[in-house]
């Protein structure tokens, strides 16, 4: 089950199949502190030493819930949503899965718990050979639309798998991205190269103007998106999600042709910190047939936002020109922040 939430109440649909999709509406940085730099809870400036330690800081960004399914197996939800009151209005995506694909992710989570000081013990439910094969990511029978290849990806493996898929796209294929942050150079370069090969590339991005009640600078998305559009000679198309104080916190990439659709979603932003083994991140990669219910509804979710298929007076997304930032100052500032790690993206 893939759950996608849009604050402007995108249509909600539920399908019964092996994988079902439901599209449904649903101061931590210097930028969010009025540009005054990090502060303590008492609103006094942090000393320089504490500020310097923020360079290339690492965070546990994973959004993972795993439990038993009541039938002796595992069930889990992997997504982009923070369980955080102030994030309640944000748009997010999540995937609900069951079975052995969760075993490797559970072991990874237990490893994090152990090096964080946890000394407990959990014995996962046993996995039958048949179930292991079906969830290993090697399933070949996906032509019926009732099964899928599913793979758990974490940290740098997300970047490797994503860039490989982008680089493998050919003329006539399409790449649709709905994302909170885009700034990783390997992803930006791969998207530009894909557009030069004739791949249709579309992005729906958060304008990076709101952060928990504060107005922010538009970094990194506004200059990064402007680079993608200009360097592709307009072949890459960008629209901005119309936020109203909340954030478009979605992390979803779809790459597809006439026969197959591959997608990845989860916690990872397309940034150096999210993909370069700084943060702890968890995504799922799913491959299905192009005409499967999962593919059709996931694409319908994206197209609903892209084409503003909503009630009169509601706009999900705005034209690229609304937040385009072709200025060289912001561009090189975001490149500096991305390259040095002196940022929260």
C-alpha atoms as a PDB file:
ATOM      1  CA  UNK A   1       0.000   0.000   0.000  1.00  0.00           C
ATOM      2  CA  UNK A   2       1.380   3.385  -0.947  1.00  0.00           C
ATOM      3  CA  UNK A   3      -0.183   6.299   0.890  1.00  0.00           C
ATOM      4  CA  UNK A   4       0.229   9.801  -0.469  1.00  0.00           C
ATOM      5  CA  UNK A   5      -0.981  12.858   1.347  1.00  0.00           C
ATOM      6  CA  UNK A   6      -1.691  16.264  -0.108  1.00  0.00           C
ATOM      7  CA  UNK A   7      -2.782  19.119   2.113  1.00  0.00           C
ATOM      8  CA  UNK A   8      -5.125  20.390  -0.602  1.00  0.00           C
ATOM      9  CA  UNK A   9      -7.100  17.157  -0.467  1.00  0.00           C
ATOM     10  CA  UNK A  10      -6.086  15.173  -3.524  1.00  0.00           C
ATOM     11  CA  UNK A  11      -8.657  12.497  -4.423  1.00  0.00           C
ATOM     12  CA  UNK A  12      -8.641   9.328  -2.332  1.00  0.00           C
ATOM     13  CA  UNK A  13      -8.800   5.884  -3.925  1.00  0.00           C
ATOM     14  CA  UNK A  14      -8.324   2.348  -2.625  1.00  0.00           C
ATOM     15  CA  UNK A  15      -7.631  -0.708  -4.769  1.00  0.00           C
ATOM     16  CA  UNK A  16      -7.518  -4.328  -3.670  1.00  0.00           C
ATOM     17  CA  UNK A  17      -4.517  -6.074  -5.201  1.00  0.00           C
ATOM     18  CA  UNK A  18      -1.224  -7.586  -4.122  1.00  0.00           C
ATOM     19  CA  UNK A  19       0.087  -4.045  -3.756  1.00  0.00           C
ATOM     20  CA  UNK A  20      -2.530  -1.364  -3.283  1.00  0.00           C
ATOM     21  CA  UNK A  21      -2.246   2.374  -3.541  1.00  0.00           C
ATOM     22  CA  UNK A  22      -4.235   4.942  -1.648  1.00  0.00           C
ATOM     23  CA  UNK A  23      -3.843   8.562  -2.652  1.00  0.00           C
ATOM     24  CA  UNK A  24      -5.142  10.622   0.216  1.00  0.00           C
ATOM     25  CA  UNK A  25      -4.931  14.153   1.469  1.00  0.00           C
ATOM     26  CA  UNK A  26      -3.421  14.155   4.743  1.00  0.00           C
ATOM     27  CA  UNK A  27      13.509  26.093  14.920  1.00  0.00           C
ATOM     28  CA  UNK A  28      15.753  23.215  13.797  1.00  0.00           C
ATOM     29  CA  UNK A  29      18.160  25.115  11.479  1.00  0.00           C
ATOM     30  CA  UNK A  30      19.823  28.472  10.963  1.00  0.00           C
ATOM     31  CA  UNK A  31      17.356  29.194   8.136  1.00  0.00           C
ATOM     32  CA  UNK A  32      14.415  28.712  10.482  1.00  0.00           C
ATOM     33  CA  UNK A  33      15.849  31.124  13.029  1.00  0.00           C
ATOM     34  CA  UNK A  34      15.379  34.310  11.045  1.00  0.00           C
ATOM     35  CA  UNK A  35      18.898  34.077   9.586  1.00  0.00           C
ATOM     36  CA  UNK A  36      20.479  34.645  13.030  1.00  0.00           C
ATOM     37  CA  UNK A  37      22.190  31.276  13.217  1.00  0.00           C
ATOM     38  CA  UNK A  38      21.483  28.382  15.595  1.00  0.00           C
ATOM     39  CA  UNK A  39      20.144  29.267  19.022  1.00  0.00           C
ATOM     40  CA  UNK A  40      19.432  27.460  22.265  1.00  0.00           C
ATOM     41  CA  UNK A  41      15.933  26.852  23.582  1.00  0.00           C
ATOM     42  CA  UNK A  42      16.318  30.071  25.575  1.00  0.00           C
ATOM     43  CA  UNK A  43      16.878  31.902  22.254  1.00  0.00           C
ATOM     44  CA  UNK A  44      20.481  32.865  23.073  1.00  0.00           C
ATOM     45  CA  UNK A  45      23.084  32.424  20.323  1.00  0.00           C
ATOM     46  CA  UNK A  46      25.143  29.240  20.386  1.00  0.00           C
ATOM     47  CA  UNK A  47      28.918  29.607  20.872  1.00  0.00           C
ATOM     48  CA  UNK A  48      31.065  29.255  17.760  1.00  0.00           C
ATOM     49  CA  UNK A  49      32.309  25.789  18.770  1.00  0.00           C
ATOM     50  CA  UNK A  50      28.770  24.441  18.931  1.00  0.00           C
ATOM     51  CA  UNK A  51      27.913  26.104  15.627  1.00  0.00           C
ATOM     52  CA  UNK A  52      31.012  24.594  13.978  1.00  0.00           C
ATOM     53  CA  UNK A  53      30.003  21.115  15.122  1.00  0.00           C
ATOM     54  CA  UNK A  54      26.893  21.437  12.931  1.00  0.00           C
ATOM     55  CA  UNK A  55      29.101  21.118   9.834  1.00  0.00           C
ATOM     56  CA  UNK A  56      28.285  17.787   8.217  1.00  0.00           C
ATOM     57  CA  UNK A  57      26.098  16.839  11.170  1.00  0.00           C
ATOM     58  CA  UNK A  58      24.406  13.480  10.881  1.00  0.00           C
ATOM     59  CA  UNK A  59      20.767  12.760  11.674  1.00  0.00           C
ATOM     60  CA  UNK A  60      18.557   9.703  11.882  1.00  0.00           C
ATOM     61  CA  UNK A  61      16.094  10.638   9.163  1.00  0.00           C
ATOM     62  CA  UNK A  62      14.530   7.190   8.797  1.00  0.00           C
ATOM     63  CA  UNK A  63      10.761   6.982   9.077  1.00  0.00           C
ATOM     64  CA  UNK A  64      10.212   3.276   9.677  1.00  0.00           C
ATOM     65  CA  UNK A  65       7.659   1.312  11.682  1.00  0.00           C
ATOM     66  CA  UNK A  66       7.989  -2.506  11.730  1.00  0.00           C
ATOM     67  CA  UNK A  67       5.879  -4.930  13.734  1.00  0.00           C
ATOM     68  CA  UNK A  68       4.386  -8.389  13.567  1.00  0.00           C
ATOM     69  CA  UNK A  69       1.334  -8.723  11.363  1.00  0.00           C
ATOM     70  CA  UNK A  70      -0.631 -10.907  13.797  1.00  0.00           C
ATOM     71  CA  UNK A  71      -0.141 -13.939  11.573  1.00  0.00           C
ATOM     72  CA  UNK A  72       3.455 -14.772  12.368  1.00  0.00           C
ATOM     73  CA  UNK A  73       4.991 -12.424   9.803  1.00  0.00           C
ATOM     74  CA  UNK A  74       6.224  -8.852   9.563  1.00  0.00           C
ATOM     75  CA  UNK A  75       4.401  -5.711   8.452  1.00  0.00           C
ATOM     76  CA  UNK A  76       5.822  -2.246   8.137  1.00  0.00           C
ATOM     77  CA  UNK A  77       5.403   1.330   6.968  1.00  0.00           C
ATOM     78  CA  UNK A  78       8.279   3.208   5.337  1.00  0.00           C
ATOM     79  CA  UNK A  79       7.670   6.819   4.404  1.00  0.00           C
ATOM     80  CA  UNK A  80       8.634  10.472   4.421  1.00  0.00           C
ATOM     81  CA  UNK A  81       6.462  11.755   7.289  1.00  0.00           C
ATOM     82  CA  UNK A  82       7.943  12.925  10.568  1.00  0.00           C
ATOM     83  CA  UNK A  83       5.858  11.902  13.622  1.00  0.00           C
ATOM     84  CA  UNK A  84       5.933  15.517  14.700  1.00  0.00           C
ATOM     85  CA  UNK A  85       3.062  17.796  15.627  1.00  0.00           C
ATOM     86  CA  UNK A  86       4.360  20.758  13.624  1.00  0.00           C
ATOM     87  CA  UNK A  87       4.647  18.519  10.536  1.00  0.00           C
ATOM     88  CA  UNK A  88       1.046  17.385  10.677  1.00  0.00           C
ATOM     89  CA  UNK A  89      -0.094  19.537   7.737  1.00  0.00           C
ATOM     90  CA  UNK A  90       2.816  18.560   5.464  1.00  0.00           C
ATOM     91  CA  UNK A  91       2.355  16.466   2.327  1.00  0.00           C
ATOM     92  CA  UNK A  92       4.033  13.050   2.575  1.00  0.00           C
ATOM     93  CA  UNK A  93       4.171   9.591   1.044  1.00  0.00           C
ATOM     94  CA  UNK A  94       4.481   6.156   2.633  1.00  0.00           C
ATOM     95  CA  UNK A  95       4.446   2.527   1.567  1.00  0.00           C
ATOM     96  CA  UNK A  96       3.006  -0.295   3.628  1.00  0.00           C
ATOM     97  CA  UNK A  97       4.505  -3.706   2.961  1.00  0.00           C
ATOM     98  CA  UNK A  98       4.474  -7.153   4.554  1.00  0.00           C
ATOM     99  CA  UNK A  99       6.812 -10.112   4.380  1.00  0.00           C
ATOM    100  CA  UNK A 100      10.503 -10.948   4.322  1.00  0.00           C
ATOM    101  CA  UNK A 101      11.557  -7.784   2.478  1.00  0.00           C
ATOM    102  CA  UNK A 102      11.348  -6.188   5.921  1.00  0.00           C
ATOM    103  CA  UNK A 103      13.843  -8.603   7.515  1.00  0.00           C
ATOM    104  CA  UNK A 104      16.957  -6.819   6.240  1.00  0.00           C
ATOM    105  CA  UNK A 105      15.511  -3.451   7.201  1.00  0.00           C
ATOM    106  CA  UNK A 106      14.640  -4.741  10.676  1.00  0.00           C
ATOM    107  CA  UNK A 107      18.190  -6.036  11.142  1.00  0.00           C
ATOM    108  CA  UNK A 108      19.515  -2.648  10.059  1.00  0.00           C
ATOM    109  CA  UNK A 109      17.291  -0.904  12.602  1.00  0.00           C
ATOM    110  CA  UNK A 110      18.434  -3.284  15.333  1.00  0.00           C
ATOM    111  CA  UNK A 111      22.047  -2.550  14.415  1.00  0.00           C
ATOM    112  CA  UNK A 112      21.400   1.167  14.833  1.00  0.00           C
ATOM    113  CA  UNK A 113      19.781   0.488  18.203  1.00  0.00           C
ATOM    114  CA  UNK A 114      22.786  -1.555  19.334  1.00  0.00           C
ATOM    115  CA  UNK A 115      25.414   1.034  18.484  1.00  0.00           C
ATOM    116  CA  UNK A 116      23.156   3.585  20.198  1.00  0.00           C
ATOM    117  CA  UNK A 117      23.398   1.604  23.441  1.00  0.00           C
ATOM    118  CA  UNK A 118      20.410  -0.750  23.265  1.00  0.00           C
ATOM    119  CA  UNK A 119      21.181  -4.172  24.744  1.00  0.00           C
ATOM    120  CA  UNK A 120      17.886  -5.975  24.201  1.00  0.00           C
ATOM    121  CA  UNK A 121      17.074  -8.890  21.951  1.00  0.00           C
ATOM    122  CA  UNK A 122      14.382  -9.453  19.315  1.00  0.00           C
ATOM    123  CA  UNK A 123      13.845 -12.652  17.373  1.00  0.00           C
ATOM    124  CA  UNK A 124      12.142 -11.979  14.025  1.00  0.00           C
ATOM    125  CA  UNK A 125       9.536 -14.484  12.817  1.00  0.00           C
ATOM    126  CA  UNK A 126      10.900 -17.311  10.642  1.00  0.00           C
ATOM    127  CA  UNK A 127      10.873 -16.855   6.879  1.00  0.00           C
ATOM    128  CA  UNK A 128       9.899 -19.688   4.559  1.00  0.00           C
ATOM    129  CA  UNK A 129      12.066 -20.218   1.423  1.00  0.00           C
ATOM    130  CA  UNK A 130       9.062 -19.426  -0.799  1.00  0.00           C
ATOM    131  CA  UNK A 131       8.375 -16.144   0.960  1.00  0.00           C
ATOM    132  CA  UNK A 132      12.053 -15.200   0.910  1.00  0.00           C
ATOM    133  CA  UNK A 133      12.249 -15.707  -2.863  1.00  0.00           C
ATOM    134  CA  UNK A 134       9.069 -13.716  -3.417  1.00  0.00           C
ATOM    135  CA  UNK A 135      10.402 -10.737  -1.443  1.00  0.00           C
ATOM    136  CA  UNK A 136      14.083 -10.842  -2.317  1.00  0.00           C
ATOM    137  CA  UNK A 137      13.849  -8.318  -5.114  1.00  0.00           C
ATOM    138  CA  UNK A 138      14.438 -11.108  -7.656  1.00  0.00           C
ATOM    139  CA  UNK A 139      10.813 -11.902  -8.444  1.00  0.00           C
ATOM    140  CA  UNK A 140      10.390 -12.260 -12.205  1.00  0.00           C
ATOM    141  CA  UNK A 141       6.646 -12.804 -12.604  1.00  0.00           C
ATOM    142  CA  UNK A 142       5.355  -9.234 -12.498  1.00  0.00           C
ATOM    143  CA  UNK A 143       3.535  -9.280 -15.820  1.00  0.00           C
ATOM    144  CA  UNK A 144       0.183 -10.023 -14.206  1.00  0.00           C
ATOM    145  CA  UNK A 145       0.243  -6.796 -12.201  1.00  0.00           C
ATOM    146  CA  UNK A 146      -0.329  -8.784  -9.010  1.00  0.00           C
ATOM    147  CA  UNK A 147       3.283  -8.961  -7.876  1.00  0.00           C
ATOM    148  CA  UNK A 148       6.276  -6.663  -7.738  1.00  0.00           C
ATOM    149  CA  UNK A 149       9.981  -6.522  -7.164  1.00  0.00           C
ATOM    150  CA  UNK A 150      10.519  -4.845  -3.799  1.00  0.00           C
ATOM    151  CA  UNK A 151      13.880  -3.912  -2.313  1.00  0.00           C
ATOM    152  CA  UNK A 152      14.860  -2.101   0.879  1.00  0.00           C
ATOM    153  CA  UNK A 153      17.491   0.599   0.301  1.00  0.00           C
ATOM    154  CA  UNK A 154      19.382   2.634   2.891  1.00  0.00           C
ATOM    155  CA  UNK A 155      21.834   5.537   2.807  1.00  0.00           C
ATOM    156  CA  UNK A 156      24.302   5.410  -0.098  1.00  0.00           C
ATOM    157  CA  UNK A 157      22.538   2.439  -1.709  1.00  0.00           C
ATOM    158  CA  UNK A 158      19.618   4.779  -2.438  1.00  0.00           C
ATOM    159  CA  UNK A 159      21.880   7.057  -4.464  1.00  0.00           C
ATOM    160  CA  UNK A 160      23.530   4.160  -6.296  1.00  0.00           C
ATOM    161  CA  UNK A 161      20.236   2.539  -7.268  1.00  0.00           C
ATOM    162  CA  UNK A 162      18.609   5.841  -8.245  1.00  0.00           C
ATOM    163  CA  UNK A 163      21.489   7.074 -10.411  1.00  0.00           C
ATOM    164  CA  UNK A 164      21.705   3.676 -12.130  1.00  0.00           C
ATOM    165  CA  UNK A 165      18.016   3.848 -12.984  1.00  0.00           C
ATOM    166  CA  UNK A 166      18.226   7.436 -14.242  1.00  0.00           C
ATOM    167  CA  UNK A 167      21.284   6.606 -16.335  1.00  0.00           C
ATOM    168  CA  UNK A 168      19.447   3.590 -17.776  1.00  0.00           C
ATOM    169  CA  UNK A 169      16.469   5.623 -18.989  1.00  0.00           C
ATOM    170  CA  UNK A 170      16.310   5.987 -22.778  1.00  0.00           C
ATOM    171  CA  UNK A 171      14.538   8.234 -25.242  1.00  0.00           C
ATOM    172  CA  UNK A 172      10.796   7.868 -24.799  1.00  0.00           C
ATOM    173  CA  UNK A 173      11.061   6.977 -21.101  1.00  0.00           C
ATOM    174  CA  UNK A 174       9.918   9.381 -18.393  1.00  0.00           C
ATOM    175  CA  UNK A 175      11.114  10.464 -14.948  1.00  0.00           C
ATOM    176  CA  UNK A 176       8.674  12.066 -12.491  1.00  0.00           C
ATOM    177  CA  UNK A 177      10.006  13.408  -9.194  1.00  0.00           C
ATOM    178  CA  UNK A 178       8.045  14.835  -6.247  1.00  0.00           C
ATOM    179  CA  UNK A 179      10.577  16.031  -3.702  1.00  0.00           C
ATOM    180  CA  UNK A 180      11.213  18.264  -0.718  1.00  0.00           C
ATOM    181  CA  UNK A 181      14.923  18.925  -1.467  1.00  0.00           C
ATOM    182  CA  UNK A 182      16.967  18.419  -4.653  1.00  0.00           C
ATOM    183  CA  UNK A 183      20.643  19.381  -4.671  1.00  0.00           C
ATOM    184  CA  UNK A 184      22.850  16.259  -4.952  1.00  0.00           C
ATOM    185  CA  UNK A 185      25.272  16.787  -7.830  1.00  0.00           C
ATOM    186  CA  UNK A 186      25.211  13.187  -9.044  1.00  0.00           C
ATOM    187  CA  UNK A 187      21.415  13.325  -9.326  1.00  0.00           C
ATOM    188  CA  UNK A 188      21.385  16.777 -10.961  1.00  0.00           C
ATOM    189  CA  UNK A 189      24.012  15.713 -13.509  1.00  0.00           C
ATOM    190  CA  UNK A 190      22.223  12.423 -14.260  1.00  0.00           C
ATOM    191  CA  UNK A 191      18.904  14.219 -14.795  1.00  0.00           C
ATOM    192  CA  UNK A 192      20.542  16.677 -17.192  1.00  0.00           C
ATOM    193  CA  UNK A 193      22.174  13.852 -19.135  1.00  0.00           C
ATOM    194  CA  UNK A 194      18.854  11.991 -19.261  1.00  0.00           C
ATOM    195  CA  UNK A 195      17.104  15.041 -20.689  1.00  0.00           C
ATOM    196  CA  UNK A 196      19.789  15.310 -23.370  1.00  0.00           C
ATOM    197  CA  UNK A 197      19.025  11.679 -24.346  1.00  0.00           C
ATOM    198  CA  UNK A 198      15.362  12.546 -24.903  1.00  0.00           C
ATOM    199  CA  UNK A 199      13.984  11.339 -21.550  1.00  0.00           C
ATOM    200  CA  UNK A 200      10.956  13.358 -20.391  1.00  0.00           C
ATOM    201  CA  UNK A 201      11.797  14.758 -16.932  1.00  0.00           C
ATOM    202  CA  UNK A 202       9.243  16.465 -14.649  1.00  0.00           C
ATOM    203  CA  UNK A 203       9.719  17.655 -11.066  1.00  0.00           C
ATOM    204  CA  UNK A 204       7.235  18.901  -8.472  1.00  0.00           C
ATOM    205  CA  UNK A 205       9.239  20.628  -5.761  1.00  0.00           C
ATOM    206  CA  UNK A 206       8.679  22.406  -2.496  1.00  0.00           C
ATOM    207  CA  UNK A 207       9.620  26.080  -3.009  1.00  0.00           C
ATOM    208  CA  UNK A 208      11.617  25.997   0.268  1.00  0.00           C
ATOM    209  CA  UNK A 209      10.001  29.195   1.494  1.00  0.00           C
ATOM    210  CA  UNK A 210       8.360  27.900   4.714  1.00  0.00           C
ATOM    211  CA  UNK A 211       9.895  26.198   7.752  1.00  0.00           C
ATOM    212  CA  UNK A 212       7.769  25.928  10.886  1.00  0.00           C
ATOM    213  CA  UNK A 213       6.393  29.440  10.782  1.00  0.00           C
ATOM    214  CA  UNK A 214       9.525  31.090   9.384  1.00  0.00           C
ATOM    215  CA  UNK A 215      10.133  32.370   5.873  1.00  0.00           C
ATOM    216  CA  UNK A 216      13.240  30.799   4.329  1.00  0.00           C
ATOM    217  CA  UNK A 217      15.581  31.626   1.456  1.00  0.00           C
ATOM    218  CA  UNK A 218      14.413  29.185  -1.219  1.00  0.00           C
ATOM    219  CA  UNK A 219      17.603  27.124  -0.967  1.00  0.00           C
ATOM    220  CA  UNK A 220      18.385  24.686  -2.396  1.00  0.00           C
ATOM    221  CA  UNK A 221      15.400  24.047  -4.675  1.00  0.00           C
ATOM    222  CA  UNK A 222      14.957  27.426  -6.335  1.00  0.00           C
ATOM    223  CA  UNK A 223      18.510  27.778  -7.722  1.00  0.00           C
ATOM    224  CA  UNK A 224      18.845  24.005  -8.282  1.00  0.00           C
ATOM    225  CA  UNK A 225      15.613  23.881 -10.289  1.00  0.00           C
ATOM    226  CA  UNK A 226      16.662  26.934 -12.277  1.00  0.00           C
ATOM    227  CA  UNK A 227      19.894  25.137 -13.171  1.00  0.00           C
ATOM    228  CA  UNK A 228      17.986  22.048 -14.315  1.00  0.00           C
ATOM    229  CA  UNK A 229      15.677  24.074 -16.546  1.00  0.00           C
ATOM    230  CA  UNK A 230      18.338  26.350 -18.026  1.00  0.00           C
ATOM    231  CA  UNK A 231      21.034  23.706 -18.560  1.00  0.00           C
ATOM    232  CA  UNK A 232      18.527  21.410 -20.274  1.00  0.00           C
ATOM    233  CA  UNK A 233      17.347  24.247 -22.547  1.00  0.00           C
ATOM    234  CA  UNK A 234      13.874  23.883 -21.090  1.00  0.00           C
ATOM    235  CA  UNK A 235      13.660  20.130 -21.675  1.00  0.00           C
ATOM    236  CA  UNK A 236      13.313  19.528 -17.918  1.00  0.00           C
ATOM    237  CA  UNK A 237       9.981  20.800 -16.607  1.00  0.00           C
ATOM    238  CA  UNK A 238       9.433  22.006 -13.030  1.00  0.00           C
ATOM    239  CA  UNK A 239       6.324  23.010 -11.102  1.00  0.00           C
ATOM    240  CA  UNK A 240       6.182  24.236  -7.501  1.00  0.00           C
ATOM    241  CA  UNK A 241       3.832  22.850  -4.898  1.00  0.00           C
ATOM    242  CA  UNK A 242       1.692  25.687  -3.554  1.00  0.00           C
ATOM    243  CA  UNK A 243       2.432  25.622   0.148  1.00  0.00           C
ATOM    244  CA  UNK A 244       0.568  27.773   2.661  1.00  0.00           C
ATOM    245  CA  UNK A 245       2.858  27.580   5.679  1.00  0.00           C
ATOM    246  CA  UNK A 246       3.261  23.797   5.509  1.00  0.00           C
ATOM    247  CA  UNK A 247       5.839  21.879   3.450  1.00  0.00           C
ATOM    248  CA  UNK A 248       5.700  19.561   0.450  1.00  0.00           C
ATOM    249  CA  UNK A 249       7.688  16.923   2.326  1.00  0.00           C
ATOM    250  CA  UNK A 250       7.189  14.148  -0.242  1.00  0.00           C
ATOM    251  CA  UNK A 251      10.163  12.003  -1.378  1.00  0.00           C
ATOM    252  CA  UNK A 252       9.074  10.087  -4.500  1.00  0.00           C
ATOM    253  CA  UNK A 253      10.851   9.226  -7.772  1.00  0.00           C
ATOM    254  CA  UNK A 254       9.227   7.305 -10.658  1.00  0.00           C
ATOM    255  CA  UNK A 255      11.093   6.119 -13.753  1.00  0.00           C
ATOM    256  CA  UNK A 256       9.027   4.385 -16.392  1.00  0.00           C
ATOM    257  CA  UNK A 257       8.623   3.343 -19.989  1.00  0.00           C
ATOM    258  CA  UNK A 258       5.806   1.624 -21.891  1.00  0.00           C
ATOM    259  CA  UNK A 259       6.238  -1.717 -20.076  1.00  0.00           C
ATOM    260  CA  UNK A 260       7.652  -1.136 -16.584  1.00  0.00           C
ATOM    261  CA  UNK A 261       7.564   1.435 -13.780  1.00  0.00           C
ATOM    262  CA  UNK A 262      10.225   1.674 -11.083  1.00  0.00           C
ATOM    263  CA  UNK A 263       9.734   3.911  -8.071  1.00  0.00           C
ATOM    264  CA  UNK A 264      11.491   4.684  -4.848  1.00  0.00           C
ATOM    265  CA  UNK A 265      10.033   6.474  -1.851  1.00  0.00           C
ATOM    266  CA  UNK A 266      10.886   6.909   1.790  1.00  0.00           C
ATOM    267  CA  UNK A 267      12.883   9.326   3.906  1.00  0.00           C
ATOM    268  CA  UNK A 268      15.709  10.368   1.582  1.00  0.00           C
ATOM    269  CA  UNK A 269      15.910  13.806   0.050  1.00  0.00           C
ATOM    270  CA  UNK A 270      17.961  14.053  -3.142  1.00  0.00           C
ATOM    271  CA  UNK A 271      20.809  15.814  -1.346  1.00  0.00           C
ATOM    272  CA  UNK A 272      24.402  15.051  -0.423  1.00  0.00           C
ATOM    273  CA  UNK A 273      23.416  14.663   3.213  1.00  0.00           C
ATOM    274  CA  UNK A 274      20.537  12.323   2.366  1.00  0.00           C
ATOM    275  CA  UNK A 275      22.350  10.172  -0.189  1.00  0.00           C
ATOM    276  CA  UNK A 276      26.007  10.415   0.779  1.00  0.00           C
ATOM    277  CA  UNK A 277      26.083   8.289   3.962  1.00  0.00           C
ATOM    278  CA  UNK A 278      25.695  11.232   6.325  1.00  0.00           C
ATOM    279  CA  UNK A 279      22.089  10.808   7.479  1.00  0.00           C
ATOM    280  CA  UNK A 280      20.485   7.488   8.277  1.00  0.00           C
ATOM    281  CA  UNK A 281      17.867   7.052   5.534  1.00  0.00           C
ATOM    282  CA  UNK A 282      15.455   4.282   4.503  1.00  0.00           C
ATOM    283  CA  UNK A 283      13.630   3.886   1.187  1.00  0.00           C
ATOM    284  CA  UNK A 284      11.836   1.120  -0.640  1.00  0.00           C
ATOM    285  CA  UNK A 285      12.334   0.527  -4.365  1.00  0.00           C
ATOM    286  CA  UNK A 286       9.414  -1.109  -6.166  1.00  0.00           C
ATOM    287  CA  UNK A 287       9.154  -2.283  -9.777  1.00  0.00           C
ATOM    288  CA  UNK A 288       5.812  -3.169 -11.357  1.00  0.00           C
ATOM    289  CA  UNK A 289       4.265  -3.365 -14.794  1.00  0.00           C
ATOM    290  CA  UNK A 290       3.293  -0.043 -16.338  1.00  0.00           C
ATOM    291  CA  UNK A 291      -0.425  -0.954 -16.357  1.00  0.00           C
ATOM    292  CA  UNK A 292      -0.555  -2.325 -12.807  1.00  0.00           C
ATOM    293  CA  UNK A 293      -2.891  -0.665 -10.280  1.00  0.00           C
ATOM    294  CA  UNK A 294       0.126   0.603  -8.331  1.00  0.00           C
ATOM    295  CA  UNK A 295       1.662   2.248 -11.389  1.00  0.00           C
ATOM    296  CA  UNK A 296      -1.613   3.739 -12.599  1.00  0.00           C
ATOM    297  CA  UNK A 297      -2.564   5.251  -9.275  1.00  0.00           C
ATOM    298  CA  UNK A 298       0.905   6.537  -8.433  1.00  0.00           C
ATOM    299  CA  UNK A 299       1.102   8.252 -11.808  1.00  0.00           C
ATOM    300  CA  UNK A 300      -2.434   9.566 -11.331  1.00  0.00           C
ATOM    301  CA  UNK A 301      -1.361  11.111  -8.016  1.00  0.00           C
ATOM    302  CA  UNK A 302       1.518  12.917  -9.717  1.00  0.00           C
ATOM    303  CA  UNK A 303      -0.576  14.008 -12.699  1.00  0.00           C
ATOM    304  CA  UNK A 304      -3.342  15.280 -10.405  1.00  0.00           C
ATOM    305  CA  UNK A 305      -0.857  17.654  -8.771  1.00  0.00           C
ATOM    306  CA  UNK A 306       0.894  18.526 -12.027  1.00  0.00           C
ATOM    307  CA  UNK A 307      -2.291  19.347 -13.944  1.00  0.00           C
ATOM    308  CA  UNK A 308      -4.185  20.870 -10.981  1.00  0.00           C
ATOM    309  CA  UNK A 309      -7.065  18.441 -11.287  1.00  0.00           C
ATOM    310  CA  UNK A 310      -9.003  19.868  -8.370  1.00  0.00           C
ATOM    311  CA  UNK A 311     -12.142  21.743  -7.454  1.00  0.00           C
ATOM    312  CA  UNK A 312     -12.549  25.227  -8.891  1.00  0.00           C
ATOM    313  CA  UNK A 313     -10.280  27.685  -7.131  1.00  0.00           C
ATOM    314  CA  UNK A 314      -7.776  25.099  -5.835  1.00  0.00           C
ATOM    315  CA  UNK A 315      -4.307  24.900  -7.329  1.00  0.00           C
ATOM    316  CA  UNK A 316      -1.897  22.223  -6.172  1.00  0.00           C
ATOM    317  CA  UNK A 317       1.090  23.469  -8.171  1.00  0.00           C
ATOM    318  CA  UNK A 318       2.342  26.715  -9.668  1.00  0.00           C
ATOM    319  CA  UNK A 319       4.283  27.468 -12.856  1.00  0.00           C
ATOM    320  CA  UNK A 320       8.075  27.312 -12.692  1.00  0.00           C
ATOM    321  CA  UNK A 321       8.437  31.063 -13.201  1.00  0.00           C
ATOM    322  CA  UNK A 322       6.711  31.806  -9.887  1.00  0.00           C
ATOM    323  CA  UNK A 323       9.780  30.788  -7.845  1.00  0.00           C
ATOM    324  CA  UNK A 324      12.526  30.581 -10.479  1.00  0.00           C
ATOM    325  CA  UNK A 325      15.831  31.943  -9.165  1.00  0.00           C
ATOM    326  CA  UNK A 326      18.430  32.269 -11.934  1.00  0.00           C
ATOM    327  CA  UNK A 327      20.672  34.546  -9.843  1.00  0.00           C
ATOM    328  CA  UNK A 328      24.292  33.453  -9.592  1.00  0.00           C
ATOM    329  CA  UNK A 329      24.593  34.567  -5.964  1.00  0.00           C
ATOM    330  CA  UNK A 330      22.062  32.089  -4.593  1.00  0.00           C
ATOM    331  CA  UNK A 331      23.295  29.405  -6.987  1.00  0.00           C
ATOM    332  CA  UNK A 332      26.892  29.482  -5.786  1.00  0.00           C
ATOM    333  CA  UNK A 333      25.813  29.910  -2.176  1.00  0.00           C
ATOM    334  CA  UNK A 334      23.757  26.715  -2.337  1.00  0.00           C
ATOM    335  CA  UNK A 335      26.658  24.928  -4.077  1.00  0.00           C
ATOM    336  CA  UNK A 336      28.954  26.073  -1.267  1.00  0.00           C
ATOM    337  CA  UNK A 337      26.542  24.889   1.408  1.00  0.00           C
ATOM    338  CA  UNK A 338      26.036  21.543  -0.332  1.00  0.00           C
ATOM    339  CA  UNK A 339      29.747  21.000  -0.882  1.00  0.00           C
ATOM    340  CA  UNK A 340      30.888  21.886   2.627  1.00  0.00           C
ATOM    341  CA  UNK A 341      28.002  20.414   4.595  1.00  0.00           C
ATOM    342  CA  UNK A 342      27.270  23.772   6.232  1.00  0.00           C
ATOM    343  CA  UNK A 343      23.532  23.355   5.690  1.00  0.00           C
ATOM    344  CA  UNK A 344      20.559  21.402   6.959  1.00  0.00           C
ATOM    345  CA  UNK A 345      19.658  19.957   3.542  1.00  0.00           C
END
